[in-house]
Amino acid sequence: MRTLKHLTIAALLAPALALASGYEVINVNPRDLALAGGAVAAQRDAAATYQNPAALSRLEGFNLSLGGSILSLTTKWTAPADGGASGLTGDSTTEKAPVPPVALFAAYGTKLDGHGFGVGFGMGTPGGGQMHWAADWQGRGRIITVERRMLGFYLNAGYAATDWLRIGGGAIYYYGIQYLKQGIEPLVDPAAYGELSANGGGFSFQLSTEIQPVKDVRIGVDFKYKATMKTSGDGHFVVPPSLAGPATQDQGVKENLPFPTQLAVGVAWQVSKPVLLLLQYNFAGFSVYEEDKFVGDKGLTLVVPRDYGNGNLIRAGAEWAATKQLELRLGFLRDWSGLKTDTLSPTLPDSNTTAVTTGASWHFTDKLGLHGAFFYGDRDKQTATGSVAFPGSYKTTVWIASLGLTWST
């Protein structure tokens, strides 16, 4: 019985699904989203605070970039073919529960001794996710509900060292908020469950550069160092007397949750005055995500293996200034996740992803613009392996719709 209780709590405290490798979420700033997040070498407004702070040195005066979005994930679980051996049959699909990631940035640009200098501040949603399985689905003993919100707060600056070299960087503060709910197995009482809520944060830093070797080509590099969010909260359990014990009593819980180092290297080529082409490589160091370790204040210690590998991603985009007011965009990405199928779980049915994006901007004036984007991602079907993973296969699709404004003085 003691082993059962430990497995029950371990499954409850497992982390959430998100869009990219691990629990990373793509930048939902409308222009960047429409270009599949591949514009590290082509930033032009306050959103550079996140994507490449070196480009803040191009700004003059006050600048705003405000974007909101709706992100929806749907995952279908299918029982393994040997349903008789596992005791699982049929399939289940997560309930629709869209979430609203944001990308809100303000910046100010000026001159220092004749060189461009800009400062930016803002917030985004670099990680998180949401999963709502039916309360009576066959995997309720692993998870029912996962809600994770991860906010990033950025304070950065950029400086034009020469006509061809710009540098930037600053501080990042990550803050995570999560809620998880899991049923109790075996099904002694259908109403039995455990739930957890926890939050906390950690600091990191960011460095970037923009190089312009020739007139129509820019190279952008952005580096965000790994961080550890020190979260704490409460575990609450409703269980029958037969399952009561140290692992199923209400208690405080702590977890040190890592968020990985991220590197983006891209090139922007102004093919002609109206046409811009982009190509970019991204690296996410999710090998730091070895396990989830939760420590209760009443003697409970739980370790959930994750054993993630690093994520690699290729992005490409095109932007066309059709008229002075209208810009059109297309993008494409392929994400190779660091997921290991031996630890595949309905709490985190991650996979390699192929996505296409599109979007447009309408400039009412040189200083005021309206921007929209749409993202559709299709994840490869993944089948769990090994004795730890919950048996079955997972197929996930995701879409994001984003809308925003830019304004400058």
Foldseek 3Di string as FASTA:
>chain_A
DVVQLQLLVQLQPDAFADDFFPFFHAFQQQVCVQQVVFVLQPDDFQLCLPSFQQNQLVDAAKKWWWKKKKKWKKKKWAFDPPCVVVVDHGIWMWDTDIDMWIWTKMKHWDDDVNKIKMKMKTKTFGGWHWTATDLPDPVLSNFGIKGKTKMKIGIKMKIGPDPFKIKMKDKIKIKMWIKTKGARPPCPDSPWIKMWIKMFIWMWMKIKMWGDPDDFKIKIKIKTAKIWTWMKTKMATDDDPVSDDPSHHIFIKIKTHMFWIKMKIKMWGCPDPFKIKIKMKMKTQCQVCQWIWMDTPSGDIHIGGFRFGIKIKIKIKMWGPPDPFKIKMKMKMWIAYRGDLQRQEPRYNDAIKIKIKIWMKGAPDPFKIKIKMKMKMWGDKGAHDHDNYDGTIMTMIMMMIMIIMMGGD
